[in-house]
């Protein structure tokens, strides 16, 4: 679990992303209140995004949410509205993770 101690300060190259599910065990949000990430409101979103900013698997989480079109909550530091905007900018019919990650980087 060496990855869980690394700090990620910028975009992770897509080749290094693991969106198969193993990343979930290393997600920082697992230690907190899950409701924080699914409760509407500016204050809750701000606090949830703060957790995401310091998470070592932020990009994997975001890629998962974009790929699976997760409709609710803060995932990878983006709200559902922000993720929809990303998907709308990246031609949803031909969506691929690299294009989406470039759009949010």
PDB file of N, CA and C in Angstrom:
ATOM      1  N   UNK A   1       0.816  -1.201   0.000  1.00  0.00           N
ATOM      2  CA  UNK A   1       0.000   0.000   0.000  1.00  0.00           C
ATOM      3  C   UNK A   1       0.858   1.263   0.000  1.00  0.00           C
ATOM      4  N   UNK A   2       1.953   1.254  -0.687  1.00  0.00           N
ATOM      5  CA  UNK A   2       2.831   2.403  -0.751  1.00  0.00           C
ATOM      6  C   UNK A   2       2.121   3.599  -1.372  1.00  0.00           C
ATOM      7  N   UNK A   3       1.245   3.387  -2.352  1.00  0.00           N
ATOM      8  CA  UNK A   3       0.521   4.472  -3.006  1.00  0.00           C
ATOM      9  C   UNK A   3      -0.303   5.301  -2.045  1.00  0.00           C
ATOM     10  N   UNK A   4      -0.831   4.698  -0.981  1.00  0.00           N
ATOM     11  CA  UNK A   4      -1.706   5.433  -0.077  1.00  0.00           C
ATOM     12  C   UNK A   4      -0.967   6.519   0.682  1.00  0.00           C
ATOM     13  N   UNK A   5       0.364   6.484   0.701  1.00  0.00           N
ATOM     14  CA  UNK A   5       1.129   7.498   1.415  1.00  0.00           C
ATOM     15  C   UNK A   5       1.668   8.572   0.491  1.00  0.00           C
ATOM     16  N   UNK A   6       1.513   8.414  -0.822  1.00  0.00           N
ATOM     17  CA  UNK A   6       2.010   9.391  -1.770  1.00  0.00           C
ATOM     18  C   UNK A   6       1.032  10.548  -1.888  1.00  0.00           C
ATOM     19  N   UNK A   7       1.580  11.745  -2.106  1.00  0.00           N
ATOM     20  CA  UNK A   7       0.752  12.919  -2.345  1.00  0.00           C
ATOM     21  C   UNK A   7       0.648  13.125  -3.847  1.00  0.00           C
ATOM     22  N   UNK A   8      -0.534  13.406  -4.342  1.00  0.00           N
ATOM     23  CA  UNK A   8      -0.734  13.677  -5.756  1.00  0.00           C
ATOM     24  C   UNK A   8      -1.117  15.142  -5.875  1.00  0.00           C
ATOM     25  N   UNK A   9      -0.275  15.910  -6.565  1.00  0.00           N
ATOM     26  CA  UNK A   9      -0.522  17.344  -6.674  1.00  0.00           C
ATOM     27  C   UNK A   9      -0.993  17.760  -8.050  1.00  0.00           C
ATOM     28  N   UNK A  10      -0.908  16.909  -9.008  1.00  0.00           N
ATOM     29  CA  UNK A  10      -1.332  17.265 -10.349  1.00  0.00           C
ATOM     30  C   UNK A  10      -2.020  16.095 -11.011  1.00  0.00           C
ATOM     31  N   UNK A  11      -2.373  16.260 -12.283  1.00  0.00           N
ATOM     32  CA  UNK A  11      -3.058  15.185 -12.995  1.00  0.00           C
ATOM     33  C   UNK A  11      -2.198  13.927 -13.057  1.00  0.00           C
ATOM     34  N   UNK A  12      -2.817  12.803 -12.924  1.00  0.00           N
ATOM     35  CA  UNK A  12      -2.141  11.523 -13.036  1.00  0.00           C
ATOM     36  C   UNK A  12      -2.225  11.063 -14.476  1.00  0.00           C
ATOM     37  N   UNK A  13      -1.111  10.613 -15.065  1.00  0.00           N
ATOM     38  CA  UNK A  13      -1.199  10.104 -16.437  1.00  0.00           C
ATOM     39  C   UNK A  13      -2.211   8.973 -16.522  1.00  0.00           C
ATOM     40  N   UNK A  14      -3.008   8.972 -17.576  1.00  0.00           N
ATOM     41  CA  UNK A  14      -4.089   7.995 -17.698  1.00  0.00           C
ATOM     42  C   UNK A  14      -3.583   6.558 -17.638  1.00  0.00           C
ATOM     43  N   UNK A  15      -2.387   6.288 -18.114  1.00  0.00           N
ATOM     44  CA  UNK A  15      -1.860   4.938 -18.078  1.00  0.00           C
ATOM     45  C   UNK A  15      -1.679   4.424 -16.663  1.00  0.00           C
ATOM     46  N   UNK A  16      -1.591   5.324 -15.682  1.00  0.00           N
ATOM     47  CA  UNK A  16      -1.392   4.929 -14.298  1.00  0.00           C
ATOM     48  C   UNK A  16      -2.695   4.811 -13.518  1.00  0.00           C
ATOM     49  N   UNK A  17      -3.812   5.165 -14.128  1.00  0.00           N
ATOM     50  CA  UNK A  17      -5.088   5.109 -13.425  1.00  0.00           C
ATOM     51  C   UNK A  17      -5.595   3.680 -13.313  1.00  0.00           C
ATOM     52  N   UNK A  18      -6.162   3.386 -12.151  1.00  0.00           N
ATOM     53  CA  UNK A  18      -6.740   2.064 -11.897  1.00  0.00           C
ATOM     54  C   UNK A  18      -8.208   2.269 -11.583  1.00  0.00           C
ATOM     55  N   UNK A  19      -9.078   2.131 -12.589  1.00  0.00           N
ATOM     56  CA  UNK A  19     -10.503   2.353 -12.333  1.00  0.00           C
ATOM     57  C   UNK A  19     -11.251   1.033 -12.237  1.00  0.00           C
ATOM     58  N   UNK A  20     -10.529  -0.046 -11.960  1.00  0.00           N
ATOM     59  CA  UNK A  20     -11.168  -1.355 -11.853  1.00  0.00           C
ATOM     60  C   UNK A  20     -11.824  -1.568 -10.499  1.00  0.00           C
ATOM     61  N   UNK A  21     -11.514  -0.743  -9.514  1.00  0.00           N
ATOM     62  CA  UNK A  21     -12.148  -0.886  -8.218  1.00  0.00           C
ATOM     63  C   UNK A  21     -11.175  -0.979  -7.070  1.00  0.00           C
ATOM     64  N   UNK A  22      -9.919  -1.348  -7.314  1.00  0.00           N
ATOM     65  CA  UNK A  22      -8.947  -1.453  -6.240  1.00  0.00           C
ATOM     66  C   UNK A  22      -8.671  -0.103  -5.579  1.00  0.00           C
ATOM     67  N   UNK A  23      -8.847   0.975  -6.304  1.00  0.00           N
ATOM     68  CA  UNK A  23      -8.580   2.308  -5.783  1.00  0.00           C
ATOM     69  C   UNK A  23      -9.508   2.660  -4.621  1.00  0.00           C
ATOM     70  N   UNK A  24     -10.701   2.083  -4.582  1.00  0.00           N
ATOM     71  CA  UNK A  24     -11.687   2.446  -3.559  1.00  0.00           C
ATOM     72  C   UNK A  24     -11.176   2.184  -2.143  1.00  0.00           C
ATOM     73  N   UNK A  25     -10.368   1.149  -1.978  1.00  0.00           N
ATOM     74  CA  UNK A  25      -9.831   0.839  -0.653  1.00  0.00           C
ATOM     75  C   UNK A  25      -8.867   1.911  -0.159  1.00  0.00           C
ATOM     76  N   UNK A  26      -8.284   2.678  -1.082  1.00  0.00           N
ATOM     77  CA  UNK A  26      -7.314   3.714  -0.713  1.00  0.00           C
ATOM     78  C   UNK A  26      -7.934   5.112  -0.664  1.00  0.00           C
ATOM     79  N   UNK A  27      -9.225   5.220  -0.952  1.00  0.00           N
ATOM     80  CA  UNK A  27      -9.882   6.528  -0.993  1.00  0.00           C
ATOM     81  C   UNK A  27      -9.977   7.139   0.402  1.00  0.00           C
ATOM     82  N   UNK A  28      -9.629   8.402   0.497  1.00  0.00           N
ATOM     83  CA  UNK A  28      -9.644   9.099   1.773  1.00  0.00           C
ATOM     84  C   UNK A  28     -11.051   9.237   2.345  1.00  0.00           C
ATOM     85  N   UNK A  29     -12.060   9.267   1.497  1.00  0.00           N
ATOM     86  CA  UNK A  29     -13.440   9.434   1.954  1.00  0.00           C
ATOM     87  C   UNK A  29     -13.948   8.220   2.734  1.00  0.00           C
ATOM     88  N   UNK A  30     -13.302   7.096   2.595  1.00  0.00           N
ATOM     89  CA  UNK A  30     -13.751   5.892   3.308  1.00  0.00           C
ATOM     90  C   UNK A  30     -13.655   6.064   4.821  1.00  0.00           C
ATOM     91  N   UNK A  31     -12.765   6.931   5.264  1.00  0.00           N
ATOM     92  CA  UNK A  31     -12.574   7.127   6.703  1.00  0.00           C
ATOM     93  C   UNK A  31     -13.566   8.136   7.281  1.00  0.00           C
ATOM     94  N   UNK A  32     -14.281   8.852   6.414  1.00  0.00           N
ATOM     95  CA  UNK A  32     -15.180   9.892   6.894  1.00  0.00           C
ATOM     96  C   UNK A  32     -16.644   9.516   6.757  1.00  0.00           C
ATOM     97  N   UNK A  33     -17.466  10.525   6.862  1.00  0.00           N
ATOM     98  CA  UNK A  33     -18.916  10.367   6.764  1.00  0.00           C
ATOM     99  C   UNK A  33     -19.335  10.406   5.299  1.00  0.00           C
ATOM    100  N   UNK A  34     -19.817   9.312   4.774  1.00  0.00           N
ATOM    101  CA  UNK A  34     -20.213   9.236   3.360  1.00  0.00           C
ATOM    102  C   UNK A  34     -21.314  10.232   3.020  1.00  0.00           C
ATOM    103  N   UNK A  35     -22.127  10.567   3.985  1.00  0.00           N
ATOM    104  CA  UNK A  35     -23.227  11.503   3.745  1.00  0.00           C
ATOM    105  C   UNK A  35     -22.716  12.867   3.279  1.00  0.00           C
ATOM    106  N   UNK A  36     -21.526  13.241   3.708  1.00  0.00           N
ATOM    107  CA  UNK A  36     -20.934  14.514   3.308  1.00  0.00           C
ATOM    108  C   UNK A  36     -20.867  14.631   1.789  1.00  0.00           C
ATOM    109  N   UNK A  37     -20.626  13.535   1.098  1.00  0.00           N
ATOM    110  CA  UNK A  37     -20.431  13.545  -0.344  1.00  0.00           C
ATOM    111  C   UNK A  37     -21.735  13.471  -1.127  1.00  0.00           C
ATOM    112  N   UNK A  38     -22.834  13.258  -0.432  1.00  0.00           N
ATOM    113  CA  UNK A  38     -24.124  13.102  -1.118  1.00  0.00           C
ATOM    114  C   UNK A  38     -25.198  14.046  -0.607  1.00  0.00           C
ATOM    115  N   UNK A  39     -24.843  14.985   0.249  1.00  0.00           N
ATOM    116  CA  UNK A  39     -25.789  15.960   0.776  1.00  0.00           C
ATOM    117  C   UNK A  39     -25.655  17.251  -0.004  1.00  0.00           C
ATOM    118  N   UNK A  40     -26.751  17.745  -0.591  1.00  0.00           N
ATOM    119  CA  UNK A  40     -26.660  18.984  -1.361  1.00  0.00           C
ATOM    120  C   UNK A  40     -26.377  20.185  -0.467  1.00  0.00           C
ATOM    121  N   UNK A  41     -25.749  21.171  -1.064  1.00  0.00           N
ATOM    122  CA  UNK A  41     -25.458  22.409  -0.350  1.00  0.00           C
ATOM    123  C   UNK A  41     -24.019  22.836  -0.566  1.00  0.00           C
ATOM    124  N   UNK A  42     -23.825  24.144  -0.662  1.00  0.00           N
ATOM    125  CA  UNK A  42     -22.500  24.678  -0.965  1.00  0.00           C
ATOM    126  C   UNK A  42     -21.481  24.324   0.113  1.00  0.00           C
ATOM    127  N   UNK A  43     -21.869  24.406   1.375  1.00  0.00           N
ATOM    128  CA  UNK A  43     -20.926  24.117   2.464  1.00  0.00           C
ATOM    129  C   UNK A  43     -20.492  22.654   2.436  1.00  0.00           C
ATOM    130  N   UNK A  44     -21.435  21.754   2.208  1.00  0.00           N
ATOM    131  CA  UNK A  44     -21.105  20.332   2.155  1.00  0.00           C
ATOM    132  C   UNK A  44     -20.217  20.026   0.952  1.00  0.00           C
ATOM    133  N   UNK A  45     -20.534  20.622  -0.196  1.00  0.00           N
ATOM    134  CA  UNK A  45     -19.720  20.401  -1.385  1.00  0.00           C
ATOM    135  C   UNK A  45     -18.303  20.905  -1.164  1.00  0.00           C
ATOM    136  N   UNK A  46     -18.158  22.059  -0.535  1.00  0.00           N
ATOM    137  CA  UNK A  46     -16.835  22.621  -0.256  1.00  0.00           C
ATOM    138  C   UNK A  46     -16.028  21.670   0.633  1.00  0.00           C
ATOM    139  N   UNK A  47     -16.660  21.150   1.681  1.00  0.00           N
ATOM    140  CA  UNK A  47     -15.965  20.230   2.586  1.00  0.00           C
ATOM    141  C   UNK A  47     -15.625  18.916   1.887  1.00  0.00           C
ATOM    142  N   UNK A  48     -16.530  18.402   1.077  1.00  0.00           N
ATOM    143  CA  UNK A  48     -16.266  17.159   0.350  1.00  0.00           C
ATOM    144  C   UNK A  48     -15.113  17.349  -0.632  1.00  0.00           C
ATOM    145  N   UNK A  49     -15.116  18.465  -1.344  1.00  0.00           N
ATOM    146  CA  UNK A  49     -14.045  18.735  -2.297  1.00  0.00           C
ATOM    147  C   UNK A  49     -12.698  18.895  -1.600  1.00  0.00           C
ATOM    148  N   UNK A  50     -12.692  19.415  -0.383  1.00  0.00           N
ATOM    149  CA  UNK A  50     -11.445  19.532   0.371  1.00  0.00           C
ATOM    150  C   UNK A  50     -10.862  18.153   0.664  1.00  0.00           C
ATOM    151  N   UNK A  51     -11.715  17.196   0.988  1.00  0.00           N
ATOM    152  CA  UNK A  51     -11.259  15.813   1.212  1.00  0.00           C
ATOM    153  C   UNK A  51     -10.685  15.265  -0.092  1.00  0.00           C
ATOM    154  N   UNK A  52     -11.379  15.497  -1.196  1.00  0.00           N
ATOM    155  CA  UNK A  52     -10.935  14.988  -2.498  1.00  0.00           C
ATOM    156  C   UNK A  52      -9.582  15.571  -2.901  1.00  0.00           C
ATOM    157  N   UNK A  53      -9.357  16.850  -2.625  1.00  0.00           N
ATOM    158  CA  UNK A  53      -8.102  17.487  -3.032  1.00  0.00           C
ATOM    159  C   UNK A  53      -6.887  16.809  -2.421  1.00  0.00           C
ATOM    160  N   UNK A  54      -7.035  16.252  -1.230  1.00  0.00           N
ATOM    161  CA  UNK A  54      -5.888  15.621  -0.580  1.00  0.00           C
ATOM    162  C   UNK A  54      -5.862  14.104  -0.774  1.00  0.00           C
ATOM    163  N   UNK A  55      -6.769  13.580  -1.575  1.00  0.00           N
ATOM    164  CA  UNK A  55      -6.876  12.129  -1.761  1.00  0.00           C
ATOM    165  C   UNK A  55      -5.918  11.651  -2.852  1.00  0.00           C
ATOM    166  N   UNK A  56      -5.229  10.557  -2.579  1.00  0.00           N
ATOM    167  CA  UNK A  56      -4.253  10.019  -3.535  1.00  0.00           C
ATOM    168  C   UNK A  56      -4.894   9.317  -4.722  1.00  0.00           C
ATOM    169  N   UNK A  57      -6.176   9.000  -4.648  1.00  0.00           N
ATOM    170  CA  UNK A  57      -6.843   8.317  -5.768  1.00  0.00           C
ATOM    171  C   UNK A  57      -7.948   9.184  -6.373  1.00  0.00           C
ATOM    172  N   UNK A  58      -7.784  10.492  -6.276  1.00  0.00           N
ATOM    173  CA  UNK A  58      -8.791  11.424  -6.791  1.00  0.00           C
ATOM    174  C   UNK A  58      -9.086  11.188  -8.273  1.00  0.00           C
ATOM    175  N   UNK A  59      -8.043  11.006  -9.065  1.00  0.00           N
ATOM    176  CA  UNK A  59      -8.238  10.881 -10.511  1.00  0.00           C
ATOM    177  C   UNK A  59      -8.908   9.563 -10.866  1.00  0.00           C
ATOM    178  N   UNK A  60      -8.590   8.507 -10.142  1.00  0.00           N
ATOM    179  CA  UNK A  60      -9.260   7.232 -10.378  1.00  0.00           C
ATOM    180  C   UNK A  60     -10.741   7.345 -10.059  1.00  0.00           C
ATOM    181  N   UNK A  61     -11.046   8.020  -8.963  1.00  0.00           N
ATOM    182  CA  UNK A  61     -12.427   8.224  -8.538  1.00  0.00           C
ATOM    183  C   UNK A  61     -13.204   9.020  -9.586  1.00  0.00           C
ATOM    184  N   UNK A  62     -12.602  10.097 -10.061  1.00  0.00           N
ATOM    185  CA  UNK A  62     -13.259  10.923 -11.071  1.00  0.00           C
ATOM    186  C   UNK A  62     -13.454  10.149 -12.371  1.00  0.00           C
ATOM    187  N   UNK A  63     -12.433   9.412 -12.793  1.00  0.00           N
ATOM    188  CA  UNK A  63     -12.543   8.633 -14.021  1.00  0.00           C
ATOM    189  C   UNK A  63     -13.655   7.593 -13.902  1.00  0.00           C
ATOM    190  N   UNK A  64     -13.762   6.965 -12.745  1.00  0.00           N
ATOM    191  CA  UNK A  64     -14.828   5.984 -12.512  1.00  0.00           C
ATOM    192  C   UNK A  64     -16.201   6.648 -12.627  1.00  0.00           C
ATOM    193  N   UNK A  65     -16.366   7.795 -11.959  1.00  0.00           N
ATOM    194  CA  UNK A  65     -17.658   8.485 -11.972  1.00  0.00           C
ATOM    195  C   UNK A  65     -18.036   8.938 -13.375  1.00  0.00           C
ATOM    196  N   UNK A  66     -17.057   9.404 -14.151  1.00  0.00           N
ATOM    197  CA  UNK A  66     -17.338   9.829 -15.519  1.00  0.00           C
ATOM    198  C   UNK A  66     -17.664   8.634 -16.412  1.00  0.00           C
ATOM    199  N   UNK A  67     -16.888   7.581 -16.290  1.00  0.00           N
ATOM    200  CA  UNK A  67     -17.105   6.409 -17.137  1.00  0.00           C
ATOM    201  C   UNK A  67     -18.454   5.763 -16.880  1.00  0.00           C
ATOM    202  N   UNK A  68     -18.854   5.703 -15.607  1.00  0.00           N
ATOM    203  CA  UNK A  68     -20.101   5.035 -15.240  1.00  0.00           C
ATOM    204  C   UNK A  68     -21.279   6.002 -15.100  1.00  0.00           C
ATOM    205  N   UNK A  69     -21.033   7.256 -15.448  1.00  0.00           N
ATOM    206  CA  UNK A  69     -22.081   8.277 -15.422  1.00  0.00           C
ATOM    207  C   UNK A  69     -22.795   8.333 -14.062  1.00  0.00           C
ATOM    208  N   UNK A  70     -22.014   8.379 -12.993  1.00  0.00           N
ATOM    209  CA  UNK A  70     -22.576   8.474 -11.648  1.00  0.00           C
ATOM    210  C   UNK A  70     -23.298   9.815 -11.552  1.00  0.00           C
ATOM    211  N   UNK A  71     -24.558   9.776 -11.149  1.00  0.00           N
ATOM    212  CA  UNK A  71     -25.395  10.975 -11.210  1.00  0.00           C
ATOM    213  C   UNK A  71     -25.457  11.782  -9.928  1.00  0.00           C
ATOM    214  N   UNK A  72     -25.021  11.245  -8.804  1.00  0.00           N
ATOM    215  CA  UNK A  72     -25.191  11.958  -7.542  1.00  0.00           C
ATOM    216  C   UNK A  72     -23.878  12.012  -6.773  1.00  0.00           C
ATOM    217  N   UNK A  73     -23.713  13.098  -6.034  1.00  0.00           N
ATOM    218  CA  UNK A  73     -22.590  13.202  -5.116  1.00  0.00           C
ATOM    219  C   UNK A  73     -21.346  13.825  -5.703  1.00  0.00           C
ATOM    220  N   UNK A  74     -20.379  14.036  -4.817  1.00  0.00           N
ATOM    221  CA  UNK A  74     -19.066  14.543  -5.188  1.00  0.00           C
ATOM    222  C   UNK A  74     -18.151  13.337  -5.381  1.00  0.00           C
ATOM    223  N   UNK A  75     -17.571  13.232  -6.555  1.00  0.00           N
ATOM    224  CA  UNK A  75     -16.655  12.140  -6.901  1.00  0.00           C
ATOM    225  C   UNK A  75     -15.425  12.752  -7.536  1.00  0.00           C
ATOM    226  N   UNK A  76     -14.254  12.435  -7.025  1.00  0.00           N
ATOM    227  CA  UNK A  76     -13.030  12.961  -7.610  1.00  0.00           C
ATOM    228  C   UNK A  76     -12.934  14.467  -7.565  1.00  0.00           C
ATOM    229  N   UNK A  77     -13.641  15.084  -6.654  1.00  0.00           N
ATOM    230  CA  UNK A  77     -13.588  16.533  -6.498  1.00  0.00           C
ATOM    231  C   UNK A  77     -14.569  17.311  -7.353  1.00  0.00           C
ATOM    232  N   UNK A  78     -15.433  16.620  -8.095  1.00  0.00           N
ATOM    233  CA  UNK A  78     -16.430  17.312  -8.913  1.00  0.00           C
ATOM    234  C   UNK A  78     -17.839  16.923  -8.494  1.00  0.00           C
ATOM    235  N   UNK A  79     -18.737  17.890  -8.529  1.00  0.00           N
ATOM    236  CA  UNK A  79     -20.146  17.625  -8.241  1.00  0.00           C
ATOM    237  C   UNK A  79     -20.789  16.982  -9.462  1.00  0.00           C
ATOM    238  N   UNK A  80     -22.014  16.513  -9.296  1.00  0.00           N
ATOM    239  CA  UNK A  80     -22.726  15.918 -10.427  1.00  0.00           C
ATOM    240  C   UNK A  80     -22.904  16.927 -11.560  1.00  0.00           C
ATOM    241  N   UNK A  81     -23.165  18.193 -11.240  1.00  0.00           N
ATOM    242  CA  UNK A  81     -23.318  19.216 -12.275  1.00  0.00           C
ATOM    243  C   UNK A  81     -22.005  19.427 -13.033  1.00  0.00           C
ATOM    244  N   UNK A  82     -20.902  19.468 -12.304  1.00  0.00           N
ATOM    245  CA  UNK A  82     -19.599  19.662 -12.937  1.00  0.00           C
ATOM    246  C   UNK A  82     -19.230  18.472 -13.823  1.00  0.00           C
ATOM    247  N   UNK A  83     -19.562  17.262 -13.386  1.00  0.00           N
ATOM    248  CA  UNK A  83     -19.275  16.082 -14.207  1.00  0.00           C
ATOM    249  C   UNK A  83     -20.123  16.081 -15.479  1.00  0.00           C
ATOM    250  N   UNK A  84     -21.381  16.484 -15.374  1.00  0.00           N
ATOM    251  CA  UNK A  84     -22.226  16.567 -16.572  1.00  0.00           C
ATOM    252  C   UNK A  84     -21.645  17.557 -17.578  1.00  0.00           C
ATOM    253  N   UNK A  85     -21.133  18.674 -17.065  1.00  0.00           N
ATOM    254  CA  UNK A  85     -20.511  19.665 -17.951  1.00  0.00           C
ATOM    255  C   UNK A  85     -19.310  19.060 -18.681  1.00  0.00           C
ATOM    256  N   UNK A  86     -18.499  18.291 -17.965  1.00  0.00           N
ATOM    257  CA  UNK A  86     -17.342  17.637 -18.581  1.00  0.00           C
ATOM    258  C   UNK A  86     -17.803  16.670 -19.658  1.00  0.00           C
ATOM    259  N   UNK A  87     -18.781  15.848 -19.334  1.00  0.00           N
ATOM    260  CA  UNK A  87     -19.270  14.869 -20.307  1.00  0.00           C
ATOM    261  C   UNK A  87     -19.878  15.547 -21.525  1.00  0.00           C
ATOM    262  N   UNK A  88     -20.573  16.649 -21.325  1.00  0.00           N
ATOM    263  CA  UNK A  88     -21.184  17.359 -22.451  1.00  0.00           C
ATOM    264  C   UNK A  88     -20.126  17.975 -23.360  1.00  0.00           C
ATOM    265  N   UNK A  89     -18.975  18.341 -22.782  1.00  0.00           N
ATOM    266  CA  UNK A  89     -17.895  18.933 -23.581  1.00  0.00           C
ATOM    267  C   UNK A  89     -17.082  17.887 -24.313  1.00  0.00           C
ATOM    268  N   UNK A  90     -17.231  16.617 -23.972  1.00  0.00           N
ATOM    269  CA  UNK A  90     -16.355  15.594 -24.541  1.00  0.00           C
ATOM    270  C   UNK A  90     -17.106  14.594 -25.422  1.00  0.00           C
ATOM    271  N   UNK A  91     -18.168  15.011 -26.072  1.00  0.00           N
ATOM    272  CA  UNK A  91     -18.926  14.150 -26.971  1.00  0.00           C
ATOM    273  C   UNK A  91     -19.259  12.806 -26.324  1.00  0.00           C
ATOM    274  N   UNK A  92     -20.319  12.744 -25.533  1.00  0.00           N
ATOM    275  CA  UNK A  92     -20.652  11.539 -24.786  1.00  0.00           C
ATOM    276  C   UNK A  92     -20.748  10.259 -25.618  1.00  0.00           C
ATOM    277  N   UNK A  93     -21.082  10.363 -26.895  1.00  0.00           N
ATOM    278  CA  UNK A  93     -21.191   9.147 -27.691  1.00  0.00           C
ATOM    279  C   UNK A  93     -19.824   8.517 -27.951  1.00  0.00           C
ATOM    280  N   UNK A  94     -18.782   9.321 -27.941  1.00  0.00           N
ATOM    281  CA  UNK A  94     -17.443   8.791 -28.177  1.00  0.00           C
ATOM    282  C   UNK A  94     -16.556   9.057 -26.963  1.00  0.00           C
ATOM    283  N   UNK A  95     -17.111   8.949 -25.771  1.00  0.00           N
ATOM    284  CA  UNK A  95     -16.402   9.270 -24.544  1.00  0.00           C
ATOM    285  C   UNK A  95     -15.252   8.320 -24.302  1.00  0.00           C
ATOM    286  N   UNK A  96     -14.130   8.905 -23.887  1.00  0.00           N
ATOM    287  CA  UNK A  96     -13.011   8.085 -23.445  1.00  0.00           C
ATOM    288  C   UNK A  96     -12.369   8.792 -22.256  1.00  0.00           C
ATOM    289  N   UNK A  97     -11.781   8.046 -21.325  1.00  0.00           N
ATOM    290  CA  UNK A  97     -11.251   8.629 -20.091  1.00  0.00           C
ATOM    291  C   UNK A  97     -10.193   9.693 -20.323  1.00  0.00           C
ATOM    292  N   UNK A  98      -9.319   9.531 -21.311  1.00  0.00           N
ATOM    293  CA  UNK A  98      -8.245  10.510 -21.515  1.00  0.00           C
ATOM    294  C   UNK A  98      -8.811  11.873 -21.895  1.00  0.00           C
ATOM    295  N   UNK A  99      -9.804  11.900 -22.753  1.00  0.00           N
ATOM    296  CA  UNK A  99     -10.417  13.165 -23.153  1.00  0.00           C
ATOM    297  C   UNK A  99     -11.070  13.844 -21.957  1.00  0.00           C
ATOM    298  N   UNK A 100     -11.772  13.082 -21.163  1.00  0.00           N
ATOM    299  CA  UNK A 100     -12.431  13.638 -19.983  1.00  0.00           C
ATOM    300  C   UNK A 100     -11.413  14.180 -18.988  1.00  0.00           C
ATOM    301  N   UNK A 101     -10.332  13.479 -18.775  1.00  0.00           N
ATOM    302  CA  UNK A 101      -9.324  13.937 -17.821  1.00  0.00           C
ATOM    303  C   UNK A 101      -8.654  15.212 -18.321  1.00  0.00           C
ATOM    304  N   UNK A 102      -8.434  15.335 -19.637  1.00  0.00           N
ATOM    305  CA  UNK A 102      -7.869  16.580 -20.165  1.00  0.00           C
ATOM    306  C   UNK A 102      -8.832  17.736 -19.937  1.00  0.00           C
ATOM    307  N   UNK A 103     -10.120  17.482 -19.990  1.00  0.00           N
ATOM    308  CA  UNK A 103     -11.116  18.537 -19.818  1.00  0.00           C
ATOM    309  C   UNK A 103     -11.136  19.078 -18.402  1.00  0.00           C
ATOM    310  N   UNK A 104     -10.768  18.275 -17.418  1.00  0.00           N
ATOM    311  CA  UNK A 104     -10.810  18.744 -16.019  1.00  0.00           C
ATOM    312  C   UNK A 104      -9.435  19.100 -15.497  1.00  0.00           C
ATOM    313  N   UNK A 105      -8.402  18.891 -16.255  1.00  0.00           N
ATOM    314  CA  UNK A 105      -7.032  19.191 -15.796  1.00  0.00           C
ATOM    315  C   UNK A 105      -6.695  20.637 -15.991  1.00  0.00           C
TER     316      UNK A 105
END
